Amino acid sequence: MRIRRARTDEVQAIGALLAMYVEQGLLLARTEEQIRGAIQDFLVAVERGAVVGCVALEFYGTRRNGLAEIRSLAVAHGSRGAGLGQRLLDAAVKQAQRQGIARVFAVTRTASFFERGGFQRAGGGIPAEKTARDCAFCPKASTCTLVPLSRDLAPASAPQLLPVYAPARMRRSPAPA
């Protein structure tokens, strides 16, 4: 099994994988046109020439030190239970790190899956960018039960620096008279 970037000739296979989860109410529907337009954001798992899993990394704002959503994570029924979903999640996180993304998030009904991947429940709710892009047009918005989770990433190429303190914080208080 190999995980790699998706190709345009795999749009239909990705669409079929996603459709299984859309029918169950687990993923938002994406048209082939939407998938084709975002194909550069997809990773696929391929086994014996067939796409058996996929995940997308959708960017918000600038790619450097920005925010990205892990979405459209799907595994073919016959490939479930072998850790492929976690491998796809890990691959998407590594892709985000390589691109300098500071934080990734997911909005899901299966929070425990993402928590096993190092995500934490996002106390601030669904990011405003996600709400404006997808939630505002979702027919389930008023009854949404999705759980937002996020994971902070240290950019792969950035050194870990100590915090810098503002000079005002370092000023000494005047000595008592």
N, C-alpha and C. Protein backbone atom coordinates (compact mmCIF):
# COMPACT_ATOMS: atom_id res chain seq x y z
N MET A 1 0.84 -1.17 0.00
CA MET A 1 0.00 0.00 0.00
C MET A 1 0.89 1.24 0.00
N ARG A 2 0.53 2.18 -0.84
CA ARG A 2 1.32 3.40 -0.97
C ARG A 2 0.41 4.61 -0.83
N ILE A 3 0.86 5.64 -0.10
CA ILE A 3 0.13 6.90 0.01
C ILE A 3 0.91 7.94 -0.77
N ARG A 4 0.19 8.63 -1.66
CA ARG A 4 0.84 9.63 -2.52
C ARG A 4 -0.18 10.69 -2.89
N ARG A 5 0.30 11.72 -3.58
CA ARG A 5 -0.59 12.78 -4.07
C ARG A 5 -1.56 12.20 -5.10
N ALA A 6 -2.77 12.69 -5.08
CA ALA A 6 -3.78 12.24 -6.04
C ALA A 6 -3.52 12.83 -7.42
N ARG A 7 -4.02 12.11 -8.43
CA ARG A 7 -3.90 12.56 -9.82
C ARG A 7 -5.31 12.84 -10.37
N THR A 8 -5.37 13.65 -11.41
CA THR A 8 -6.68 14.01 -11.96
C THR A 8 -7.45 12.80 -12.49
N ASP A 9 -6.77 11.75 -12.91
CA ASP A 9 -7.48 10.58 -13.40
C ASP A 9 -8.09 9.76 -12.26
N GLU A 10 -7.93 10.20 -11.02
CA GLU A 10 -8.49 9.50 -9.86
C GLU A 10 -9.68 10.23 -9.24
N VAL A 11 -10.16 11.28 -9.90
CA VAL A 11 -11.27 12.07 -9.37
C VAL A 11 -12.50 11.20 -9.14
N GLN A 12 -12.85 10.35 -10.10
CA GLN A 12 -14.04 9.50 -9.96
C GLN A 12 -13.89 8.50 -8.81
N ALA A 13 -12.71 7.92 -8.67
CA ALA A 13 -12.48 6.96 -7.58
C ALA A 13 -12.59 7.65 -6.22
N ILE A 14 -12.05 8.86 -6.12
CA ILE A 14 -12.17 9.62 -4.88
C ILE A 14 -13.64 9.94 -4.61
N GLY A 15 -14.34 10.38 -5.64
CA GLY A 15 -15.76 10.68 -5.49
C GLY A 15 -16.57 9.49 -5.02
N ALA A 16 -16.26 8.31 -5.53
CA ALA A 16 -16.97 7.10 -5.12
C ALA A 16 -16.69 6.76 -3.66
N LEU A 17 -15.44 6.93 -3.23
CA LEU A 17 -15.10 6.69 -1.82
C LEU A 17 -15.86 7.65 -0.92
N LEU A 18 -15.85 8.93 -1.27
CA LEU A 18 -16.54 9.92 -0.46
C LEU A 18 -18.04 9.67 -0.42
N ALA A 19 -18.61 9.24 -1.54
CA ALA A 19 -20.06 9.02 -1.62
C ALA A 19 -20.55 8.01 -0.59
N MET A 20 -19.74 6.99 -0.30
CA MET A 20 -20.13 6.00 0.72
C MET A 20 -20.35 6.67 2.07
N TYR A 21 -19.50 7.62 2.40
CA TYR A 21 -19.57 8.30 3.69
C TYR A 21 -20.62 9.41 3.69
N VAL A 22 -20.85 10.01 2.53
CA VAL A 22 -21.89 11.03 2.41
C VAL A 22 -23.25 10.38 2.65
N GLU A 23 -23.46 9.19 2.08
CA GLU A 23 -24.72 8.47 2.25
C GLU A 23 -25.01 8.15 3.71
N GLN A 24 -23.94 7.95 4.49
CA GLN A 24 -24.09 7.65 5.91
C GLN A 24 -24.20 8.93 6.75
N GLY A 25 -24.07 10.09 6.10
CA GLY A 25 -24.13 11.37 6.81
C GLY A 25 -22.85 11.72 7.55
N LEU A 26 -21.74 11.08 7.17
CA LEU A 26 -20.48 11.30 7.87
C LEU A 26 -19.60 12.35 7.21
N LEU A 27 -19.79 12.60 5.91
CA LEU A 27 -19.01 13.60 5.19
C LEU A 27 -19.94 14.51 4.40
N LEU A 28 -19.47 15.72 4.14
CA LEU A 28 -20.20 16.62 3.26
C LEU A 28 -19.99 16.17 1.81
N ALA A 29 -21.02 16.31 1.02
CA ALA A 29 -20.94 15.93 -0.40
C ALA A 29 -19.97 16.86 -1.13
N ARG A 30 -19.23 16.28 -2.05
CA ARG A 30 -18.33 17.05 -2.92
C ARG A 30 -18.57 16.55 -4.34
N THR A 31 -18.77 17.48 -5.24
CA THR A 31 -18.99 17.10 -6.63
C THR A 31 -17.64 16.73 -7.26
N GLU A 32 -17.72 16.06 -8.41
CA GLU A 32 -16.48 15.75 -9.13
C GLU A 32 -15.76 17.03 -9.52
N GLU A 33 -16.52 18.06 -9.85
CA GLU A 33 -15.91 19.35 -10.20
C GLU A 33 -15.14 19.92 -9.00
N GLN A 34 -15.72 19.83 -7.80
CA GLN A 34 -15.04 20.32 -6.59
C GLN A 34 -13.78 19.50 -6.32
N ILE A 35 -13.89 18.19 -6.48
CA ILE A 35 -12.72 17.33 -6.25
C ILE A 35 -11.63 17.65 -7.26
N ARG A 36 -12.00 17.78 -8.52
CA ARG A 36 -11.04 18.10 -9.57
C ARG A 36 -10.35 19.44 -9.27
N GLY A 37 -11.11 20.42 -8.82
CA GLY A 37 -10.56 21.73 -8.51
C GLY A 37 -9.61 21.72 -7.32
N ALA A 38 -9.76 20.72 -6.46
CA ALA A 38 -8.91 20.63 -5.26
C ALA A 38 -8.00 19.40 -5.30
N ILE A 39 -7.82 18.81 -6.46
CA ILE A 39 -7.07 17.55 -6.55
C ILE A 39 -5.66 17.68 -6.00
N GLN A 40 -5.06 18.86 -6.10
CA GLN A 40 -3.71 19.05 -5.58
C GLN A 40 -3.67 18.97 -4.05
N ASP A 41 -4.82 19.06 -3.39
CA ASP A 41 -4.89 18.98 -1.92
C ASP A 41 -5.14 17.56 -1.42
N PHE A 42 -5.39 16.61 -2.32
CA PHE A 42 -5.72 15.24 -1.94
C PHE A 42 -4.49 14.33 -1.91
N LEU A 43 -4.50 13.45 -0.94
CA LEU A 43 -3.58 12.31 -0.90
C LEU A 43 -4.45 11.08 -1.07
N VAL A 44 -3.91 10.05 -1.71
CA VAL A 44 -4.65 8.80 -1.87
C VAL A 44 -3.79 7.62 -1.41
N ALA A 45 -4.47 6.60 -0.94
CA ALA A 45 -3.82 5.33 -0.64
C ALA A 45 -4.17 4.41 -1.80
N VAL A 46 -3.14 3.80 -2.38
CA VAL A 46 -3.33 2.95 -3.55
C VAL A 46 -2.82 1.56 -3.25
N GLU A 47 -3.65 0.58 -3.57
CA GLU A 47 -3.26 -0.82 -3.40
C GLU A 47 -3.63 -1.57 -4.68
N ARG A 48 -2.63 -2.23 -5.27
CA ARG A 48 -2.82 -2.97 -6.53
C ARG A 48 -3.50 -2.11 -7.59
N GLY A 49 -3.10 -0.84 -7.67
CA GLY A 49 -3.61 0.07 -8.69
C GLY A 49 -4.95 0.70 -8.39
N ALA A 50 -5.58 0.35 -7.27
CA ALA A 50 -6.89 0.90 -6.93
C ALA A 50 -6.79 1.88 -5.77
N VAL A 51 -7.55 2.96 -5.85
CA VAL A 51 -7.61 3.93 -4.75
C VAL A 51 -8.48 3.32 -3.65
N VAL A 52 -7.88 3.13 -2.47
CA VAL A 52 -8.61 2.52 -1.35
C VAL A 52 -8.77 3.47 -0.17
N GLY A 53 -8.25 4.69 -0.31
CA GLY A 53 -8.40 5.68 0.75
C GLY A 53 -8.00 7.05 0.23
N CYS A 54 -8.52 8.08 0.89
CA CYS A 54 -8.17 9.44 0.51
C CYS A 54 -8.31 10.37 1.70
N VAL A 55 -7.64 11.50 1.59
CA VAL A 55 -7.75 12.58 2.57
C VAL A 55 -7.36 13.87 1.85
N ALA A 56 -7.96 14.98 2.27
CA ALA A 56 -7.62 16.28 1.68
C ALA A 56 -7.13 17.22 2.76
N LEU A 57 -6.24 18.09 2.38
CA LEU A 57 -5.70 19.12 3.27
C LEU A 57 -6.07 20.45 2.63
N GLU A 58 -7.09 21.10 3.16
CA GLU A 58 -7.59 22.34 2.58
C GLU A 58 -7.03 23.54 3.35
N PHE A 59 -6.45 24.47 2.63
CA PHE A 59 -5.74 25.59 3.25
C PHE A 59 -6.64 26.80 3.43
N TYR A 60 -6.38 27.51 4.53
CA TYR A 60 -7.08 28.76 4.84
C TYR A 60 -6.00 29.82 5.02
N GLY A 61 -6.17 30.96 4.38
CA GLY A 61 -5.17 32.02 4.49
C GLY A 61 -3.91 31.64 3.73
N THR A 62 -2.78 32.15 4.21
CA THR A 62 -1.51 31.84 3.57
C THR A 62 -1.04 30.47 3.99
N ARG A 63 -0.33 29.81 3.13
CA ARG A 63 0.15 28.46 3.46
C ARG A 63 1.25 28.50 4.51
N ARG A 64 2.04 29.56 4.52
CA ARG A 64 3.10 29.64 5.53
C ARG A 64 2.50 30.09 6.84
N ASN A 65 2.68 29.32 7.89
CA ASN A 65 2.19 29.61 9.23
C ASN A 65 0.69 29.80 9.29
N GLY A 66 -0.03 29.15 8.39
CA GLY A 66 -1.47 29.30 8.32
C GLY A 66 -2.23 28.18 8.99
N LEU A 67 -3.43 27.99 8.52
CA LEU A 67 -4.37 27.04 9.05
C LEU A 67 -4.80 26.12 7.92
N ALA A 68 -4.95 24.84 8.21
CA ALA A 68 -5.42 23.89 7.19
C ALA A 68 -6.40 22.92 7.83
N GLU A 69 -7.40 22.54 7.06
CA GLU A 69 -8.39 21.58 7.52
C GLU A 69 -8.09 20.22 6.91
N ILE A 70 -8.13 19.21 7.75
CA ILE A 70 -8.05 17.84 7.27
C ILE A 70 -9.48 17.39 7.05
N ARG A 71 -9.80 17.08 5.80
CA ARG A 71 -11.19 16.75 5.46
C ARG A 71 -11.23 15.64 4.42
N SER A 72 -12.43 15.17 4.16
CA SER A 72 -12.65 14.14 3.14
C SER A 72 -11.79 12.91 3.37
N LEU A 73 -11.67 12.50 4.61
CA LEU A 73 -10.92 11.29 4.96
C LEU A 73 -11.85 10.10 4.81
N ALA A 74 -11.50 9.21 3.90
CA ALA A 74 -12.35 8.05 3.62
C ALA A 74 -11.48 6.84 3.29
N VAL A 75 -11.95 5.68 3.73
CA VAL A 75 -11.27 4.41 3.48
C VAL A 75 -12.29 3.43 2.92
N ALA A 76 -11.92 2.73 1.86
CA ALA A 76 -12.80 1.73 1.26
C ALA A 76 -13.18 0.67 2.29
N HIS A 77 -14.40 0.19 2.18
CA HIS A 77 -14.93 -0.77 3.16
C HIS A 77 -13.99 -1.96 3.35
N GLY A 78 -13.47 -2.51 2.29
CA GLY A 78 -12.59 -3.68 2.38
C GLY A 78 -11.22 -3.40 2.98
N SER A 79 -10.87 -2.13 3.15
CA SER A 79 -9.56 -1.78 3.70
C SER A 79 -9.65 -1.22 5.11
N ARG A 80 -10.85 -1.18 5.67
CA ARG A 80 -11.03 -0.63 7.01
C ARG A 80 -10.54 -1.62 8.07
N GLY A 81 -10.15 -1.07 9.22
CA GLY A 81 -9.74 -1.89 10.35
C GLY A 81 -8.27 -2.27 10.34
N ALA A 82 -7.51 -1.77 9.37
CA ALA A 82 -6.08 -2.12 9.28
C ALA A 82 -5.18 -0.92 9.56
N GLY A 83 -5.76 0.17 10.06
CA GLY A 83 -4.96 1.35 10.39
C GLY A 83 -4.74 2.31 9.23
N LEU A 84 -5.40 2.09 8.11
CA LEU A 84 -5.20 2.95 6.95
C LEU A 84 -5.67 4.38 7.21
N GLY A 85 -6.79 4.54 7.89
CA GLY A 85 -7.28 5.87 8.20
C GLY A 85 -6.26 6.68 8.99
N GLN A 86 -5.64 6.03 9.97
CA GLN A 86 -4.62 6.71 10.78
C GLN A 86 -3.39 7.04 9.94
N ARG A 87 -3.03 6.13 9.03
CA ARG A 87 -1.89 6.41 8.14
C ARG A 87 -2.17 7.60 7.23
N LEU A 88 -3.40 7.70 6.73
CA LEU A 88 -3.78 8.84 5.90
C LEU A 88 -3.76 10.14 6.72
N LEU A 89 -4.27 10.08 7.94
CA LEU A 89 -4.24 11.24 8.82
C LEU A 89 -2.81 11.68 9.08
N ASP A 90 -1.95 10.74 9.41
CA ASP A 90 -0.53 11.05 9.66
C ASP A 90 0.13 11.66 8.42
N ALA A 91 -0.18 11.13 7.25
CA ALA A 91 0.40 11.66 6.01
C ALA A 91 -0.06 13.10 5.77
N ALA A 92 -1.33 13.38 6.04
CA ALA A 92 -1.84 14.75 5.87
C ALA A 92 -1.17 15.71 6.85
N VAL A 93 -0.98 15.27 8.09
CA VAL A 93 -0.31 16.11 9.09
C VAL A 93 1.13 16.38 8.66
N LYS A 94 1.82 15.36 8.18
CA LYS A 94 3.21 15.55 7.72
C LYS A 94 3.26 16.50 6.53
N GLN A 95 2.30 16.38 5.63
CA GLN A 95 2.23 17.29 4.48
C GLN A 95 2.04 18.73 4.97
N ALA A 96 1.18 18.93 5.95
CA ALA A 96 0.96 20.27 6.51
C ALA A 96 2.24 20.81 7.14
N GLN A 97 2.95 19.95 7.87
CA GLN A 97 4.21 20.38 8.49
C GLN A 97 5.23 20.79 7.44
N ARG A 98 5.35 20.01 6.38
CA ARG A 98 6.31 20.33 5.31
C ARG A 98 5.99 21.68 4.67
N GLN A 99 4.71 22.03 4.65
CA GLN A 99 4.30 23.29 4.02
C GLN A 99 4.27 24.45 5.01
N GLY A 100 4.71 24.21 6.24
CA GLY A 100 4.82 25.29 7.22
C GLY A 100 3.52 25.68 7.89
N ILE A 101 2.53 24.82 7.85
CA ILE A 101 1.25 25.12 8.49
C ILE A 101 1.42 25.09 10.00
N ALA A 102 0.85 26.07 10.68
CA ALA A 102 0.98 26.17 12.14
C ALA A 102 -0.06 25.34 12.88
N ARG A 103 -1.26 25.17 12.29
CA ARG A 103 -2.33 24.43 12.97
C ARG A 103 -3.19 23.73 11.94
N VAL A 104 -3.55 22.49 12.23
CA VAL A 104 -4.53 21.77 11.43
C VAL A 104 -5.76 21.53 12.29
N PHE A 105 -6.90 21.43 11.63
CA PHE A 105 -8.13 21.15 12.37
C PHE A 105 -8.99 20.19 11.57
N ALA A 106 -9.93 19.60 12.26
CA ALA A 106 -10.91 18.71 11.64
C ALA A 106 -12.25 18.96 12.32
N VAL A 107 -13.31 18.76 11.58
CA VAL A 107 -14.67 18.86 12.11
C VAL A 107 -15.30 17.51 11.81
N THR A 108 -15.70 16.77 12.86
CA THR A 108 -16.04 15.36 12.68
C THR A 108 -17.08 14.86 13.67
N ARG A 109 -17.64 13.71 13.37
CA ARG A 109 -18.50 12.98 14.32
C ARG A 109 -17.68 11.91 15.05
N THR A 110 -16.47 11.65 14.59
CA THR A 110 -15.64 10.61 15.19
C THR A 110 -14.42 11.24 15.87
N ALA A 111 -14.68 12.01 16.91
CA ALA A 111 -13.62 12.74 17.61
C ALA A 111 -12.53 11.82 18.13
N SER A 112 -12.88 10.64 18.63
CA SER A 112 -11.88 9.74 19.22
C SER A 112 -10.82 9.34 18.20
N PHE A 113 -11.19 9.20 16.93
CA PHE A 113 -10.22 8.86 15.89
C PHE A 113 -9.14 9.94 15.81
N PHE A 114 -9.56 11.20 15.76
CA PHE A 114 -8.61 12.31 15.65
C PHE A 114 -7.83 12.50 16.95
N GLU A 115 -8.46 12.26 18.08
CA GLU A 115 -7.76 12.37 19.36
C GLU A 115 -6.61 11.37 19.43
N ARG A 116 -6.80 10.18 18.87
CA ARG A 116 -5.70 9.21 18.81
C ARG A 116 -4.54 9.72 17.95
N GLY A 117 -4.84 10.65 17.04
CA GLY A 117 -3.83 11.24 16.17
C GLY A 117 -3.23 12.52 16.74
N GLY A 118 -3.46 12.80 18.02
CA GLY A 118 -2.87 13.97 18.65
C GLY A 118 -3.70 15.24 18.60
N PHE A 119 -4.93 15.15 18.13
CA PHE A 119 -5.81 16.31 18.08
C PHE A 119 -6.50 16.48 19.43
N GLN A 120 -6.86 17.73 19.71
CA GLN A 120 -7.59 18.04 20.94
C GLN A 120 -8.86 18.78 20.56
N ARG A 121 -9.87 18.62 21.40
CA ARG A 121 -11.13 19.34 21.14
C ARG A 121 -10.86 20.83 21.18
N ALA A 122 -11.37 21.53 20.17
CA ALA A 122 -11.12 22.96 20.03
C ALA A 122 -12.14 23.72 20.88
N GLY A 123 -11.66 24.33 21.95
CA GLY A 123 -12.53 25.06 22.85
C GLY A 123 -13.21 26.25 22.20
N GLY A 124 -12.60 26.82 21.18
CA GLY A 124 -13.16 28.00 20.53
C GLY A 124 -14.20 27.67 19.47
N GLY A 125 -14.52 26.40 19.28
CA GLY A 125 -15.50 26.01 18.28
C GLY A 125 -14.91 25.90 16.90
N ILE A 126 -15.78 25.89 15.91
CA ILE A 126 -15.37 25.76 14.51
C ILE A 126 -14.75 27.09 14.07
N PRO A 127 -13.58 27.04 13.44
CA PRO A 127 -12.94 28.29 12.99
C PRO A 127 -13.87 29.10 12.08
N ALA A 128 -13.83 30.43 12.25
CA ALA A 128 -14.70 31.32 11.48
C ALA A 128 -14.54 31.12 9.98
N GLU A 129 -13.30 30.84 9.54
CA GLU A 129 -13.05 30.63 8.11
C GLU A 129 -13.83 29.43 7.58
N LYS A 130 -13.89 28.37 8.38
CA LYS A 130 -14.63 27.16 7.99
C LYS A 130 -16.13 27.46 7.95
N THR A 131 -16.60 28.17 8.97
CA THR A 131 -18.02 28.51 9.03
C THR A 131 -18.43 29.30 7.79
N ALA A 132 -17.62 30.29 7.42
CA ALA A 132 -17.95 31.11 6.26
C ALA A 132 -17.87 30.32 4.96
N ARG A 133 -16.92 29.40 4.85
CA ARG A 133 -16.70 28.67 3.61
C ARG A 133 -17.70 27.53 3.40
N ASP A 134 -18.00 26.77 4.46
CA ASP A 134 -18.82 25.57 4.30
C ASP A 134 -20.11 25.58 5.12
N CYS A 135 -20.00 25.95 6.38
CA CYS A 135 -21.15 25.81 7.29
C CYS A 135 -22.31 26.72 6.92
N ALA A 136 -22.01 27.89 6.41
CA ALA A 136 -23.07 28.84 6.06
C ALA A 136 -24.00 28.28 4.99
N PHE A 137 -23.52 27.35 4.18
CA PHE A 137 -24.31 26.79 3.08
C PHE A 137 -24.79 25.37 3.35
N CYS A 138 -24.46 24.84 4.52
CA CYS A 138 -24.81 23.45 4.83
C CYS A 138 -26.26 23.34 5.27
N PRO A 139 -27.01 22.40 4.70
CA PRO A 139 -28.41 22.24 5.09
C PRO A 139 -28.57 21.74 6.53
N LYS A 140 -27.50 21.21 7.12
CA LYS A 140 -27.56 20.70 8.49
C LYS A 140 -27.01 21.70 9.52
N ALA A 141 -26.73 22.92 9.09
CA ALA A 141 -26.08 23.90 9.97
C ALA A 141 -26.84 24.12 11.28
N SER A 142 -28.16 24.19 11.22
CA SER A 142 -28.93 24.48 12.43
C SER A 142 -29.00 23.31 13.40
N THR A 143 -28.70 22.11 12.93
CA THR A 143 -28.74 20.93 13.80
C THR A 143 -27.39 20.22 13.86
N CYS A 144 -26.34 20.95 13.58
CA CYS A 144 -25.00 20.37 13.48
C CYS A 144 -24.53 19.77 14.80
N THR A 145 -24.00 18.56 14.72
CA THR A 145 -23.46 17.88 15.91
C THR A 145 -21.97 17.55 15.73
N LEU A 146 -21.33 18.18 14.75
CA LEU A 146 -19.92 17.93 14.50
C LEU A 146 -19.06 18.50 15.62
N VAL A 147 -17.95 17.84 15.89
CA VAL A 147 -17.02 18.24 16.94
C VAL A 147 -15.77 18.82 16.28
N PRO A 148 -15.39 20.07 16.62
CA PRO A 148 -14.15 20.63 16.09
C PRO A 148 -12.95 20.20 16.94
N LEU A 149 -11.89 19.78 16.26
CA LEU A 149 -10.65 19.40 16.93
C LEU A 149 -9.50 20.08 16.21
N SER A 150 -8.40 20.31 16.92
CA SER A 150 -7.25 20.91 16.27
C SER A 150 -5.96 20.34 16.83
N ARG A 151 -4.91 20.58 16.10
CA ARG A 151 -3.56 20.14 16.51
C ARG A 151 -2.57 21.20 16.07
N ASP A 152 -1.82 21.70 17.02
CA ASP A 152 -0.78 22.67 16.71
C ASP A 152 0.43 21.92 16.16
N LEU A 153 1.05 22.52 15.15
CA LEU A 153 2.21 21.90 14.51
C LEU A 153 3.40 22.83 14.60
N ALA A 154 4.53 22.28 14.88
CA ALA A 154 5.77 23.05 14.79
C ALA A 154 6.23 22.90 13.35
N PRO A 155 6.44 24.01 12.63
CA PRO A 155 6.91 23.86 11.25
C PRO A 155 8.14 22.97 11.19
N ALA A 156 8.16 22.05 10.26
CA ALA A 156 9.23 21.06 10.15
C ALA A 156 10.60 21.70 10.01
N SER A 157 10.69 22.84 9.34
CA SER A 157 12.00 23.44 9.10
C SER A 157 12.35 24.53 10.10
N ALA A 158 11.44 24.89 10.99
CA ALA A 158 11.69 26.00 11.91
C ALA A 158 12.30 25.49 13.21
N PRO A 159 13.35 26.16 13.69
CA PRO A 159 13.92 25.76 14.97
C PRO A 159 12.97 26.15 16.09
N GLN A 160 13.03 25.45 17.19
CA GLN A 160 12.23 25.78 18.36
C GLN A 160 12.92 26.93 19.08
N LEU A 161 12.25 28.07 19.15
CA LEU A 161 12.84 29.25 19.76
C LEU A 161 12.23 29.51 21.12
N LEU A 162 13.00 30.14 21.98
CA LEU A 162 12.48 30.56 23.27
C LEU A 162 11.59 31.77 23.05
N PRO A 163 10.60 31.99 23.94
CA PRO A 163 9.74 33.16 23.77
C PRO A 163 10.53 34.45 23.91
N VAL A 164 10.09 35.46 23.20
CA VAL A 164 10.71 36.78 23.28
C VAL A 164 9.81 37.66 24.14
N TYR A 165 10.40 38.31 25.12
CA TYR A 165 9.62 39.15 26.02
C TYR A 165 9.74 40.60 25.61
N ALA A 166 8.63 41.32 25.68
CA ALA A 166 8.63 42.74 25.35
C ALA A 166 9.43 43.51 26.38
N PRO A 167 10.18 44.52 25.96
CA PRO A 167 10.99 45.30 26.89
C PRO A 167 10.19 45.83 28.07
N ALA A 168 8.92 46.22 27.86
CA ALA A 168 8.12 46.77 28.94
C ALA A 168 7.97 45.76 30.08
N ARG A 169 7.94 44.50 29.75
CA ARG A 169 7.79 43.46 30.78
C ARG A 169 9.06 43.27 31.58
N MET A 170 10.16 43.72 31.03
CA MET A 170 11.44 43.48 31.70
C MET A 170 11.88 44.68 32.53
N ARG A 171 11.14 45.78 32.50
CA ARG A 171 11.51 46.94 33.26
C ARG A 171 11.38 46.66 34.76
N ARG A 172 12.28 47.21 35.49
CA ARG A 172 12.22 47.06 36.94
C ARG A 172 11.28 48.09 37.53
N SER A 173 10.63 47.68 38.57
CA SER A 173 9.78 48.63 39.29
C SER A 173 10.70 49.57 40.07
N PRO A 174 10.27 50.82 40.25
CA PRO A 174 11.11 51.74 41.03
C PRO A 174 11.24 51.25 42.46
N ALA A 175 12.38 51.50 43.03
CA ALA A 175 12.63 51.09 44.41
C ALA A 175 11.73 51.88 45.36
N PRO A 176 11.23 51.22 46.39
CA PRO A 176 10.36 51.95 47.33
C PRO A 176 11.16 53.07 48.01
N ALA A 177 10.51 54.19 48.28
CA ALA A 177 11.18 55.34 48.90
C ALA A 177 11.20 55.26 50.41
